[in-house]
């Protein structure tokens, strides 16, 4: 019987190395929408949160709904971006719209406020901890989707579109939008990633 390789830290580290910002995307998904939803839901379940507060909230937009989101962003930006800069901004919006879907990351402020009231001594920390949890979920999903052969890039067009998003998709008013992960089939390559010397980023004592 063939031996089965047991996953270890290298398994995760290799997936982390493969996570990159893919901007050239297409709508031809290499996996099913059901599979993407499975990944999203499991990532939500498994992402840790302070005091198990579970403040993460997620909305997934496919197809026309994804296009609608980026049309809202485009409309909002057109009203505030100087005319001389509009062409490059519009090209960027079209690049995001070319993807197959978007994952919108929120945190439920009701959860944060309830934790602040319950543990008043940490009241000023819970908003920070909620953001850290959201960041972990973003990274987990970004890495997981790329492990399935998709490309993705993370954007932050909040808070300028928050009200329109809430109105369009009937999002509870207590959900605060933090980021948007655009995904789709890879339609181009990524550039090499520059790294600062590890000596500037790492210290060890007692080893």
N, C-alpha and C. Protein backbone atom coordinates (compact mmCIF):
# COMPACT_ATOMS: atom_id res chain seq x y z
N UNK A 1 0.85 -1.20 0.00
CA UNK A 1 0.00 0.00 0.00
C UNK A 1 0.89 1.25 0.00
N UNK A 2 0.57 2.18 -0.87
CA UNK A 2 1.36 3.40 -0.97
C UNK A 2 1.20 4.24 0.28
N UNK A 3 2.31 4.83 0.72
CA UNK A 3 2.25 5.66 1.92
C UNK A 3 1.59 7.00 1.59
N UNK A 4 0.90 7.54 2.58
CA UNK A 4 0.23 8.82 2.43
C UNK A 4 1.07 9.89 3.12
N UNK A 5 1.40 10.93 2.39
CA UNK A 5 2.19 12.01 2.97
C UNK A 5 1.33 12.82 3.92
N UNK A 6 1.79 12.93 5.14
CA UNK A 6 1.04 13.69 6.14
C UNK A 6 1.29 15.18 5.96
N UNK A 7 0.23 16.01 5.88
CA UNK A 7 0.43 17.45 5.75
C UNK A 7 1.21 17.99 6.94
N UNK A 8 2.07 18.96 6.69
CA UNK A 8 2.79 19.62 7.77
C UNK A 8 2.84 21.12 7.48
N UNK A 9 3.67 21.84 8.22
CA UNK A 9 3.74 23.29 8.03
C UNK A 9 4.14 23.67 6.61
N UNK A 10 4.95 22.83 5.97
CA UNK A 10 5.39 23.15 4.60
C UNK A 10 4.21 23.19 3.64
N UNK A 11 3.19 22.38 3.91
CA UNK A 11 2.00 22.38 3.07
C UNK A 11 1.36 23.76 3.05
N UNK A 12 1.17 24.32 4.23
CA UNK A 12 0.58 25.66 4.34
C UNK A 12 1.51 26.72 3.77
N UNK A 13 2.79 26.61 4.07
CA UNK A 13 3.74 27.62 3.60
C UNK A 13 3.82 27.67 2.08
N UNK A 14 3.73 26.50 1.44
CA UNK A 14 3.74 26.48 -0.03
C UNK A 14 2.51 27.17 -0.59
N UNK A 15 1.36 26.97 0.05
CA UNK A 15 0.14 27.66 -0.39
C UNK A 15 0.28 29.16 -0.19
N UNK A 16 0.91 29.56 0.90
CA UNK A 16 1.11 30.98 1.16
C UNK A 16 2.03 31.60 0.10
N UNK A 17 3.05 30.85 -0.30
CA UNK A 17 3.96 31.34 -1.35
C UNK A 17 3.22 31.55 -2.67
N UNK A 18 2.22 30.72 -2.91
CA UNK A 18 1.48 30.81 -4.17
C UNK A 18 0.45 31.90 -4.21
N UNK A 19 0.13 32.47 -3.05
CA UNK A 19 -0.88 33.53 -3.01
C UNK A 19 -0.28 34.84 -3.52
N UNK A 20 -0.85 35.35 -4.58
CA UNK A 20 -0.37 36.58 -5.20
C UNK A 20 -1.56 37.42 -5.65
N UNK A 21 -1.28 38.67 -6.02
CA UNK A 21 -2.33 39.54 -6.56
C UNK A 21 -2.42 39.35 -8.07
N UNK A 22 -3.45 38.64 -8.50
CA UNK A 22 -3.72 38.47 -9.93
C UNK A 22 -4.73 39.53 -10.35
N UNK A 23 -4.32 40.44 -11.22
CA UNK A 23 -5.21 41.50 -11.67
C UNK A 23 -5.87 41.17 -13.01
N UNK A 24 -5.19 40.41 -13.84
CA UNK A 24 -5.78 39.99 -15.12
C UNK A 24 -6.61 38.75 -14.88
N UNK A 25 -7.93 38.93 -14.89
CA UNK A 25 -8.86 37.84 -14.58
C UNK A 25 -9.92 37.72 -15.67
N UNK A 26 -10.54 36.54 -15.75
CA UNK A 26 -11.66 36.35 -16.66
C UNK A 26 -12.81 35.69 -15.90
N UNK A 27 -13.94 35.59 -16.56
CA UNK A 27 -15.14 35.05 -15.92
C UNK A 27 -15.25 33.53 -16.03
N UNK A 28 -14.28 32.88 -16.64
CA UNK A 28 -14.31 31.42 -16.81
C UNK A 28 -13.75 30.75 -15.57
N UNK A 29 -14.64 30.38 -14.66
CA UNK A 29 -14.19 29.79 -13.39
C UNK A 29 -13.65 28.38 -13.59
N UNK A 30 -12.49 28.07 -13.00
CA UNK A 30 -11.94 26.71 -13.10
C UNK A 30 -12.60 25.72 -12.14
N UNK A 31 -13.41 26.23 -11.20
CA UNK A 31 -14.16 25.38 -10.28
C UNK A 31 -15.59 25.89 -10.23
N UNK A 32 -16.48 25.08 -9.66
CA UNK A 32 -17.89 25.44 -9.64
C UNK A 32 -18.18 26.53 -8.61
N UNK A 33 -19.30 27.21 -8.80
CA UNK A 33 -19.75 28.19 -7.81
C UNK A 33 -20.05 27.51 -6.48
N UNK A 34 -20.56 26.29 -6.54
CA UNK A 34 -20.82 25.55 -5.30
C UNK A 34 -19.53 25.31 -4.52
N UNK A 35 -18.46 24.97 -5.23
CA UNK A 35 -17.19 24.73 -4.57
C UNK A 35 -16.67 26.00 -3.90
N UNK A 36 -16.80 27.11 -4.59
CA UNK A 36 -16.37 28.39 -4.01
C UNK A 36 -17.16 28.70 -2.75
N UNK A 37 -18.46 28.45 -2.80
CA UNK A 37 -19.29 28.71 -1.63
C UNK A 37 -18.90 27.79 -0.47
N UNK A 38 -18.57 26.54 -0.76
CA UNK A 38 -18.12 25.62 0.29
C UNK A 38 -16.87 26.16 0.98
N UNK A 39 -15.94 26.64 0.17
CA UNK A 39 -14.68 27.17 0.70
C UNK A 39 -14.94 28.39 1.57
N UNK A 40 -15.79 29.29 1.09
CA UNK A 40 -16.09 30.51 1.84
C UNK A 40 -16.72 30.16 3.18
N UNK A 41 -17.73 29.30 3.17
CA UNK A 41 -18.43 28.97 4.41
C UNK A 41 -17.52 28.27 5.41
N UNK A 42 -16.66 27.38 4.93
CA UNK A 42 -15.77 26.67 5.85
C UNK A 42 -14.71 27.62 6.41
N UNK A 43 -14.23 28.54 5.59
CA UNK A 43 -13.26 29.53 6.07
C UNK A 43 -13.88 30.41 7.16
N UNK A 44 -15.13 30.79 6.98
CA UNK A 44 -15.82 31.57 8.01
C UNK A 44 -15.88 30.77 9.31
N UNK A 45 -16.22 29.50 9.20
CA UNK A 45 -16.33 28.66 10.41
C UNK A 45 -14.99 28.51 11.12
N UNK A 46 -13.91 28.39 10.37
CA UNK A 46 -12.62 28.03 10.96
C UNK A 46 -11.73 29.21 11.31
N UNK A 47 -12.09 30.42 10.92
CA UNK A 47 -11.26 31.58 11.24
C UNK A 47 -11.44 31.96 12.71
N UNK A 48 -10.36 32.06 13.47
CA UNK A 48 -10.49 32.38 14.90
C UNK A 48 -10.90 33.83 15.12
N UNK A 49 -11.52 34.09 16.27
CA UNK A 49 -11.91 35.45 16.65
C UNK A 49 -11.75 35.61 18.15
N UNK A 50 -11.52 36.83 18.60
CA UNK A 50 -11.33 37.07 20.03
C UNK A 50 -12.58 36.70 20.81
N UNK A 51 -12.39 35.96 21.88
CA UNK A 51 -13.49 35.50 22.73
C UNK A 51 -14.54 34.72 21.93
N UNK A 52 -14.11 34.14 20.80
CA UNK A 52 -15.04 33.44 19.90
C UNK A 52 -16.24 34.32 19.53
N UNK A 53 -15.96 35.60 19.30
CA UNK A 53 -17.04 36.56 19.06
C UNK A 53 -17.71 36.39 17.71
N UNK A 54 -16.97 35.85 16.73
CA UNK A 54 -17.53 35.53 15.41
C UNK A 54 -18.21 36.75 14.77
N UNK A 55 -17.45 37.83 14.65
CA UNK A 55 -18.00 39.07 14.10
C UNK A 55 -17.94 39.14 12.58
N UNK A 56 -17.27 38.19 11.92
CA UNK A 56 -17.15 38.22 10.46
C UNK A 56 -18.49 38.02 9.77
N UNK A 57 -18.70 38.78 8.72
CA UNK A 57 -19.86 38.60 7.85
C UNK A 57 -19.37 38.69 6.41
N UNK A 58 -19.94 37.89 5.53
CA UNK A 58 -19.44 37.81 4.15
C UNK A 58 -20.62 37.78 3.18
N UNK A 59 -20.45 38.48 2.06
CA UNK A 59 -21.40 38.43 0.94
C UNK A 59 -20.60 38.05 -0.31
N UNK A 60 -21.06 37.02 -1.02
CA UNK A 60 -20.41 36.59 -2.26
C UNK A 60 -21.28 37.01 -3.45
N UNK A 61 -20.67 37.66 -4.41
CA UNK A 61 -21.38 38.12 -5.61
C UNK A 61 -20.80 37.42 -6.84
N UNK A 62 -21.67 36.74 -7.58
CA UNK A 62 -21.26 36.09 -8.83
C UNK A 62 -21.91 36.80 -10.02
N UNK A 63 -21.29 36.66 -11.18
CA UNK A 63 -21.92 37.06 -12.44
C UNK A 63 -22.43 38.48 -12.47
N UNK A 64 -23.73 38.63 -12.79
CA UNK A 64 -24.33 39.95 -12.92
C UNK A 64 -24.26 40.75 -11.62
N UNK A 65 -24.35 40.04 -10.48
CA UNK A 65 -24.28 40.75 -9.20
C UNK A 65 -22.88 41.32 -8.97
N UNK A 66 -21.88 40.58 -9.37
CA UNK A 66 -20.49 41.08 -9.32
C UNK A 66 -20.34 42.31 -10.23
N UNK A 67 -20.87 42.21 -11.44
CA UNK A 67 -20.81 43.35 -12.37
C UNK A 67 -21.53 44.57 -11.79
N UNK A 68 -22.66 44.31 -11.13
CA UNK A 68 -23.44 45.40 -10.54
C UNK A 68 -22.63 46.12 -9.46
N UNK A 69 -21.90 45.35 -8.66
CA UNK A 69 -21.09 45.97 -7.61
C UNK A 69 -20.06 46.91 -8.21
N UNK A 70 -19.34 46.45 -9.22
CA UNK A 70 -18.29 47.30 -9.79
C UNK A 70 -18.85 48.46 -10.59
N UNK A 71 -20.08 48.31 -11.08
CA UNK A 71 -20.75 49.45 -11.72
C UNK A 71 -21.07 50.52 -10.66
N UNK A 72 -21.46 50.08 -9.47
CA UNK A 72 -21.73 51.02 -8.38
C UNK A 72 -20.46 51.76 -7.97
N UNK A 73 -19.36 51.01 -7.87
CA UNK A 73 -18.08 51.64 -7.52
C UNK A 73 -17.69 52.65 -8.60
N UNK A 74 -17.83 52.24 -9.86
CA UNK A 74 -17.47 53.13 -10.97
C UNK A 74 -18.29 54.40 -10.95
N UNK A 75 -19.60 54.26 -10.75
CA UNK A 75 -20.49 55.42 -10.69
C UNK A 75 -20.10 56.36 -9.55
N UNK A 76 -19.77 55.78 -8.41
CA UNK A 76 -19.40 56.58 -7.25
C UNK A 76 -18.09 57.32 -7.49
N UNK A 77 -17.12 56.64 -8.05
CA UNK A 77 -15.82 57.26 -8.30
C UNK A 77 -15.89 58.35 -9.36
N UNK A 78 -16.74 58.15 -10.35
CA UNK A 78 -16.82 59.13 -11.44
C UNK A 78 -17.23 60.50 -10.93
N UNK A 79 -17.99 60.50 -9.83
CA UNK A 79 -18.46 61.76 -9.26
C UNK A 79 -17.37 62.49 -8.47
N UNK A 80 -16.29 61.80 -8.14
CA UNK A 80 -15.27 62.43 -7.28
C UNK A 80 -13.86 62.43 -7.88
N UNK A 81 -13.62 61.63 -8.91
CA UNK A 81 -12.28 61.58 -9.51
C UNK A 81 -12.15 62.69 -10.56
N UNK A 82 -11.06 63.46 -10.51
CA UNK A 82 -10.86 64.51 -11.52
C UNK A 82 -10.89 63.94 -12.94
N UNK A 83 -11.41 64.71 -13.86
CA UNK A 83 -11.58 64.26 -15.24
C UNK A 83 -10.28 63.79 -15.86
N UNK A 84 -9.18 64.47 -15.53
CA UNK A 84 -7.90 64.10 -16.13
C UNK A 84 -7.38 62.75 -15.64
N UNK A 85 -7.93 62.27 -14.54
CA UNK A 85 -7.53 60.97 -14.00
C UNK A 85 -8.53 59.86 -14.28
N UNK A 86 -9.62 60.22 -14.94
CA UNK A 86 -10.72 59.26 -15.04
C UNK A 86 -10.38 58.05 -15.92
N UNK A 87 -9.65 58.25 -17.00
CA UNK A 87 -9.38 57.13 -17.91
C UNK A 87 -8.68 55.98 -17.19
N UNK A 88 -7.65 56.29 -16.41
CA UNK A 88 -6.93 55.23 -15.70
C UNK A 88 -7.80 54.59 -14.64
N UNK A 89 -8.64 55.39 -13.97
CA UNK A 89 -9.55 54.85 -12.96
C UNK A 89 -10.58 53.93 -13.60
N UNK A 90 -11.14 54.36 -14.72
CA UNK A 90 -12.15 53.54 -15.41
C UNK A 90 -11.54 52.24 -15.92
N UNK A 91 -10.31 52.29 -16.41
CA UNK A 91 -9.64 51.07 -16.86
C UNK A 91 -9.47 50.09 -15.69
N UNK A 92 -9.17 50.63 -14.54
CA UNK A 92 -9.01 49.78 -13.36
C UNK A 92 -10.34 49.13 -12.98
N UNK A 93 -11.41 49.90 -13.05
CA UNK A 93 -12.74 49.35 -12.75
C UNK A 93 -13.11 48.24 -13.73
N UNK A 94 -12.82 48.45 -15.00
CA UNK A 94 -13.10 47.42 -16.01
C UNK A 94 -12.29 46.16 -15.75
N UNK A 95 -11.08 46.33 -15.24
CA UNK A 95 -10.24 45.18 -14.91
C UNK A 95 -10.88 44.35 -13.81
N UNK A 96 -11.41 45.01 -12.77
CA UNK A 96 -12.07 44.27 -11.70
C UNK A 96 -13.37 43.62 -12.20
N UNK A 97 -14.11 44.35 -12.99
CA UNK A 97 -15.38 43.83 -13.52
C UNK A 97 -15.17 42.61 -14.40
N UNK A 98 -13.99 42.48 -15.01
CA UNK A 98 -13.70 41.34 -15.88
C UNK A 98 -13.61 40.04 -15.12
N UNK A 99 -13.48 40.11 -13.79
CA UNK A 99 -13.45 38.90 -12.98
C UNK A 99 -14.79 38.21 -12.91
N UNK A 100 -14.83 37.07 -12.26
CA UNK A 100 -16.05 36.27 -12.19
C UNK A 100 -16.90 36.58 -10.97
N UNK A 101 -16.28 37.11 -9.92
CA UNK A 101 -17.04 37.36 -8.71
C UNK A 101 -16.26 38.20 -7.72
N UNK A 102 -16.96 38.59 -6.68
CA UNK A 102 -16.36 39.37 -5.60
C UNK A 102 -16.85 38.85 -4.26
N UNK A 103 -15.96 38.83 -3.29
CA UNK A 103 -16.32 38.50 -1.92
C UNK A 103 -16.22 39.78 -1.12
N UNK A 104 -17.32 40.20 -0.50
CA UNK A 104 -17.34 41.41 0.31
C UNK A 104 -17.20 41.01 1.78
N UNK A 105 -16.25 41.62 2.45
CA UNK A 105 -15.97 41.31 3.86
C UNK A 105 -16.53 42.41 4.76
N UNK A 106 -17.31 41.99 5.73
CA UNK A 106 -17.90 42.91 6.69
C UNK A 106 -17.56 42.44 8.11
N UNK A 107 -17.75 43.34 9.07
CA UNK A 107 -17.78 42.94 10.46
C UNK A 107 -19.05 43.50 11.08
N UNK A 108 -19.71 42.71 11.89
CA UNK A 108 -20.98 43.10 12.50
C UNK A 108 -20.69 43.95 13.73
N UNK A 109 -21.04 45.23 13.64
CA UNK A 109 -20.77 46.14 14.75
C UNK A 109 -21.58 45.83 15.99
N UNK A 110 -22.72 45.17 15.83
CA UNK A 110 -23.50 44.76 17.00
C UNK A 110 -22.71 43.78 17.85
N UNK A 111 -22.03 42.86 17.19
CA UNK A 111 -21.21 41.89 17.92
C UNK A 111 -20.09 42.61 18.66
N UNK A 112 -19.42 43.53 17.97
CA UNK A 112 -18.32 44.27 18.58
C UNK A 112 -18.82 45.05 19.79
N UNK A 113 -19.93 45.74 19.63
CA UNK A 113 -20.48 46.56 20.72
C UNK A 113 -20.93 45.69 21.89
N UNK A 114 -21.50 44.53 21.62
CA UNK A 114 -21.92 43.64 22.69
C UNK A 114 -20.71 43.13 23.48
N UNK A 115 -19.62 42.83 22.77
CA UNK A 115 -18.41 42.39 23.45
C UNK A 115 -17.80 43.52 24.28
N UNK A 116 -17.89 44.73 23.77
CA UNK A 116 -17.38 45.88 24.52
C UNK A 116 -18.15 46.07 25.82
N UNK A 117 -19.48 45.87 25.76
CA UNK A 117 -20.31 46.02 26.95
C UNK A 117 -20.07 44.88 27.95
N UNK A 118 -19.86 43.69 27.42
CA UNK A 118 -19.69 42.51 28.27
C UNK A 118 -18.32 42.49 28.95
N UNK A 119 -17.30 42.95 28.23
CA UNK A 119 -15.93 42.96 28.76
C UNK A 119 -15.38 44.39 28.66
N UNK A 120 -15.90 45.25 29.50
CA UNK A 120 -15.60 46.69 29.41
C UNK A 120 -14.11 46.99 29.52
N UNK A 121 -13.38 46.18 30.25
CA UNK A 121 -11.95 46.42 30.43
C UNK A 121 -11.19 46.36 29.10
N UNK A 122 -11.76 45.63 28.12
CA UNK A 122 -11.12 45.49 26.80
C UNK A 122 -11.88 46.28 25.72
N UNK A 123 -12.72 47.19 26.12
CA UNK A 123 -13.62 47.85 25.17
C UNK A 123 -12.88 48.48 23.99
N UNK A 124 -11.74 49.10 24.27
CA UNK A 124 -11.02 49.78 23.19
C UNK A 124 -10.30 48.81 22.27
N UNK A 125 -10.19 47.54 22.66
CA UNK A 125 -9.47 46.55 21.87
C UNK A 125 -10.36 45.78 20.90
N UNK A 126 -11.65 45.67 21.21
CA UNK A 126 -12.50 44.82 20.37
C UNK A 126 -12.60 45.27 18.92
N UNK A 127 -12.67 46.56 18.61
CA UNK A 127 -12.65 46.95 17.19
C UNK A 127 -11.36 46.51 16.48
N UNK A 128 -10.23 46.60 17.19
CA UNK A 128 -8.96 46.16 16.61
C UNK A 128 -8.97 44.65 16.41
N UNK A 129 -9.43 43.92 17.40
CA UNK A 129 -9.47 42.46 17.29
C UNK A 129 -10.41 42.00 16.18
N UNK A 130 -11.52 42.72 16.00
CA UNK A 130 -12.46 42.37 14.92
C UNK A 130 -11.80 42.55 13.56
N UNK A 131 -11.01 43.62 13.40
CA UNK A 131 -10.29 43.83 12.15
C UNK A 131 -9.25 42.75 11.91
N UNK A 132 -8.59 42.32 13.00
CA UNK A 132 -7.60 41.25 12.86
C UNK A 132 -8.28 39.96 12.40
N UNK A 133 -9.43 39.67 12.96
CA UNK A 133 -10.18 38.48 12.54
C UNK A 133 -10.57 38.58 11.07
N UNK A 134 -11.01 39.77 10.66
CA UNK A 134 -11.40 39.97 9.27
C UNK A 134 -10.19 39.78 8.35
N UNK A 135 -9.03 40.29 8.78
CA UNK A 135 -7.82 40.12 7.99
C UNK A 135 -7.43 38.66 7.84
N UNK A 136 -7.58 37.89 8.91
CA UNK A 136 -7.28 36.46 8.83
C UNK A 136 -8.20 35.76 7.85
N UNK A 137 -9.49 36.12 7.87
CA UNK A 137 -10.44 35.51 6.94
C UNK A 137 -10.12 35.89 5.50
N UNK A 138 -9.76 37.15 5.29
CA UNK A 138 -9.39 37.58 3.94
C UNK A 138 -8.21 36.78 3.41
N UNK A 139 -7.19 36.65 4.23
CA UNK A 139 -6.00 35.92 3.81
C UNK A 139 -6.31 34.44 3.58
N UNK A 140 -7.11 33.85 4.48
CA UNK A 140 -7.46 32.44 4.34
C UNK A 140 -8.20 32.18 3.03
N UNK A 141 -9.16 33.03 2.72
CA UNK A 141 -9.94 32.83 1.49
C UNK A 141 -9.11 33.12 0.25
N UNK A 142 -8.31 34.14 0.30
CA UNK A 142 -7.43 34.47 -0.83
C UNK A 142 -6.52 33.29 -1.14
N UNK A 143 -5.92 32.74 -0.10
CA UNK A 143 -5.02 31.60 -0.28
C UNK A 143 -5.76 30.36 -0.75
N UNK A 144 -6.92 30.09 -0.16
CA UNK A 144 -7.68 28.90 -0.51
C UNK A 144 -8.17 28.94 -1.96
N UNK A 145 -8.65 30.08 -2.40
CA UNK A 145 -9.13 30.19 -3.78
C UNK A 145 -7.99 30.02 -4.78
N UNK A 146 -6.83 30.58 -4.47
CA UNK A 146 -5.70 30.42 -5.38
C UNK A 146 -5.21 28.97 -5.39
N UNK A 147 -5.37 28.26 -4.25
CA UNK A 147 -5.01 26.84 -4.21
C UNK A 147 -5.91 26.02 -5.13
N UNK A 148 -7.11 26.54 -5.44
CA UNK A 148 -8.05 25.87 -6.33
C UNK A 148 -7.84 26.28 -7.79
N UNK A 149 -6.81 27.09 -8.04
CA UNK A 149 -6.51 27.48 -9.41
C UNK A 149 -7.08 28.81 -9.85
N UNK A 150 -7.73 29.55 -8.94
CA UNK A 150 -8.25 30.86 -9.29
C UNK A 150 -7.18 31.92 -9.08
N UNK A 151 -7.43 33.10 -9.62
CA UNK A 151 -6.64 34.27 -9.30
C UNK A 151 -7.50 35.23 -8.52
N UNK A 152 -6.87 36.09 -7.72
CA UNK A 152 -7.64 37.03 -6.91
C UNK A 152 -6.80 38.25 -6.56
N UNK A 153 -7.48 39.33 -6.23
CA UNK A 153 -6.81 40.53 -5.71
C UNK A 153 -7.75 41.22 -4.72
N UNK A 154 -7.15 41.85 -3.72
CA UNK A 154 -7.92 42.45 -2.63
C UNK A 154 -8.01 43.96 -2.81
N UNK A 155 -9.23 44.49 -2.68
CA UNK A 155 -9.48 45.92 -2.87
C UNK A 155 -10.20 46.52 -1.67
N UNK A 156 -10.18 47.85 -1.60
CA UNK A 156 -10.80 48.55 -0.47
C UNK A 156 -11.52 49.81 -0.97
N UNK A 157 -12.70 49.62 -1.53
CA UNK A 157 -13.49 50.75 -2.01
C UNK A 157 -14.60 51.08 -1.02
N UNK A 158 -14.28 50.93 0.24
CA UNK A 158 -15.14 51.34 1.32
C UNK A 158 -14.44 52.51 2.02
N UNK A 159 -15.14 53.45 2.60
CA UNK A 159 -16.58 53.47 2.83
C UNK A 159 -17.40 54.18 1.74
N UNK A 160 -16.77 54.55 0.62
CA UNK A 160 -17.49 55.39 -0.34
C UNK A 160 -18.69 54.69 -0.97
N UNK A 161 -18.72 53.34 -0.95
CA UNK A 161 -19.85 52.64 -1.55
C UNK A 161 -20.72 51.94 -0.51
N UNK A 162 -20.45 52.15 0.75
CA UNK A 162 -21.15 51.40 1.80
C UNK A 162 -22.67 51.55 1.73
N UNK A 163 -23.14 52.79 1.59
CA UNK A 163 -24.58 53.01 1.59
C UNK A 163 -25.25 52.37 0.37
N UNK A 164 -24.61 52.50 -0.79
CA UNK A 164 -25.19 51.91 -2.00
C UNK A 164 -25.20 50.38 -1.92
N UNK A 165 -24.15 49.81 -1.34
CA UNK A 165 -24.09 48.36 -1.19
C UNK A 165 -25.20 47.89 -0.25
N UNK A 166 -25.35 48.57 0.88
CA UNK A 166 -26.37 48.19 1.85
C UNK A 166 -27.77 48.27 1.23
N UNK A 167 -28.00 49.32 0.45
CA UNK A 167 -29.30 49.51 -0.18
C UNK A 167 -29.56 48.47 -1.27
N UNK A 168 -28.55 48.19 -2.07
CA UNK A 168 -28.73 47.30 -3.22
C UNK A 168 -28.93 45.85 -2.80
N UNK A 169 -28.17 45.39 -1.81
CA UNK A 169 -28.24 43.99 -1.42
C UNK A 169 -28.90 43.78 -0.05
N UNK A 170 -29.57 44.82 0.44
CA UNK A 170 -30.31 44.73 1.72
C UNK A 170 -29.41 44.22 2.84
N UNK A 171 -28.24 44.84 2.96
CA UNK A 171 -27.28 44.48 3.99
C UNK A 171 -27.68 45.14 5.30
N UNK A 172 -27.66 44.43 6.42
CA UNK A 172 -28.00 45.05 7.71
C UNK A 172 -27.12 46.28 7.98
N UNK A 173 -27.71 47.28 8.57
CA UNK A 173 -26.99 48.53 8.81
C UNK A 173 -25.83 48.37 9.78
N UNK A 174 -25.83 47.29 10.55
CA UNK A 174 -24.75 47.07 11.52
C UNK A 174 -23.53 46.39 10.89
N UNK A 175 -23.63 45.97 9.62
CA UNK A 175 -22.49 45.33 8.97
C UNK A 175 -21.61 46.42 8.35
N UNK A 176 -20.35 46.47 8.76
CA UNK A 176 -19.40 47.45 8.27
C UNK A 176 -18.50 46.82 7.21
N UNK A 177 -18.50 47.39 6.01
CA UNK A 177 -17.71 46.86 4.90
C UNK A 177 -16.23 47.20 5.09
N UNK A 178 -15.37 46.18 4.92
CA UNK A 178 -13.94 46.37 5.12
C UNK A 178 -13.09 46.15 3.88
N UNK A 179 -13.49 45.23 3.00
CA UNK A 179 -12.65 44.89 1.85
C UNK A 179 -13.44 44.10 0.83
N UNK A 180 -12.86 44.01 -0.38
CA UNK A 180 -13.49 43.25 -1.45
C UNK A 180 -12.43 42.40 -2.14
N UNK A 181 -12.67 41.09 -2.21
CA UNK A 181 -11.75 40.18 -2.88
C UNK A 181 -12.33 39.83 -4.25
N UNK A 182 -11.67 40.29 -5.31
CA UNK A 182 -12.09 40.01 -6.68
C UNK A 182 -11.45 38.70 -7.11
N UNK A 183 -12.22 37.79 -7.72
CA UNK A 183 -11.66 36.52 -8.14
C UNK A 183 -12.17 36.12 -9.52
N UNK A 184 -11.43 35.20 -10.14
CA UNK A 184 -11.81 34.70 -11.45
C UNK A 184 -10.72 33.79 -11.98
N UNK A 185 -10.85 33.41 -13.23
CA UNK A 185 -9.80 32.60 -13.86
C UNK A 185 -8.59 33.49 -14.12
N UNK A 186 -7.41 32.92 -14.00
CA UNK A 186 -6.19 33.68 -14.26
C UNK A 186 -6.06 33.95 -15.76
N UNK A 187 -5.94 35.24 -16.10
CA UNK A 187 -5.84 35.62 -17.51
C UNK A 187 -4.51 36.30 -17.81
N UNK A 188 -3.58 36.18 -16.88
CA UNK A 188 -2.27 36.79 -17.07
C UNK A 188 -1.33 36.33 -15.97
N UNK A 189 -0.09 36.74 -16.07
CA UNK A 189 0.92 36.35 -15.09
C UNK A 189 1.09 37.44 -14.04
N UNK A 190 1.79 37.10 -12.98
CA UNK A 190 2.10 38.08 -11.94
C UNK A 190 3.58 38.39 -11.96
N UNK A 191 3.92 39.58 -11.53
CA UNK A 191 5.33 39.98 -11.47
C UNK A 191 5.99 39.40 -10.23
N UNK A 192 7.32 39.24 -10.26
CA UNK A 192 8.02 38.77 -9.06
C UNK A 192 7.76 39.72 -7.90
N UNK A 193 7.67 39.16 -6.70
CA UNK A 193 7.39 39.96 -5.51
C UNK A 193 8.70 40.32 -4.81
N UNK A 194 8.90 41.61 -4.61
CA UNK A 194 10.09 42.06 -3.89
C UNK A 194 9.95 41.74 -2.41
N UNK A 195 11.05 41.35 -1.79
CA UNK A 195 11.06 41.04 -0.37
C UNK A 195 12.18 41.81 0.31
N UNK A 196 11.86 42.47 1.42
CA UNK A 196 12.91 43.07 2.24
C UNK A 196 13.76 41.97 2.84
N UNK A 197 15.02 42.24 3.13
CA UNK A 197 15.85 41.22 3.78
C UNK A 197 15.19 40.75 5.08
N UNK A 198 15.18 39.44 5.28
CA UNK A 198 14.54 38.89 6.46
C UNK A 198 15.18 39.41 7.73
N UNK A 199 16.46 39.79 7.67
CA UNK A 199 17.16 40.32 8.85
C UNK A 199 16.54 41.62 9.34
N UNK A 200 15.87 42.34 8.45
CA UNK A 200 15.22 43.59 8.84
C UNK A 200 13.84 43.35 9.44
N UNK A 201 13.35 42.12 9.33
CA UNK A 201 11.96 41.85 9.71
C UNK A 201 11.82 40.80 10.82
N UNK A 202 12.94 40.31 11.30
CA UNK A 202 12.89 39.16 12.21
C UNK A 202 13.97 39.25 13.27
N UNK A 203 13.60 38.94 14.50
CA UNK A 203 14.56 38.81 15.60
C UNK A 203 14.23 37.55 16.37
N UNK A 204 15.25 36.94 16.97
CA UNK A 204 15.02 35.74 17.79
C UNK A 204 15.91 35.85 19.02
N UNK A 205 15.39 35.37 20.15
CA UNK A 205 16.15 35.39 21.40
C UNK A 205 16.00 34.03 22.09
N UNK A 206 17.07 33.53 22.61
CA UNK A 206 17.00 32.29 23.38
C UNK A 206 17.05 31.03 22.57
N UNK A 207 17.27 31.14 21.26
CA UNK A 207 17.30 29.96 20.41
C UNK A 207 18.65 29.26 20.53
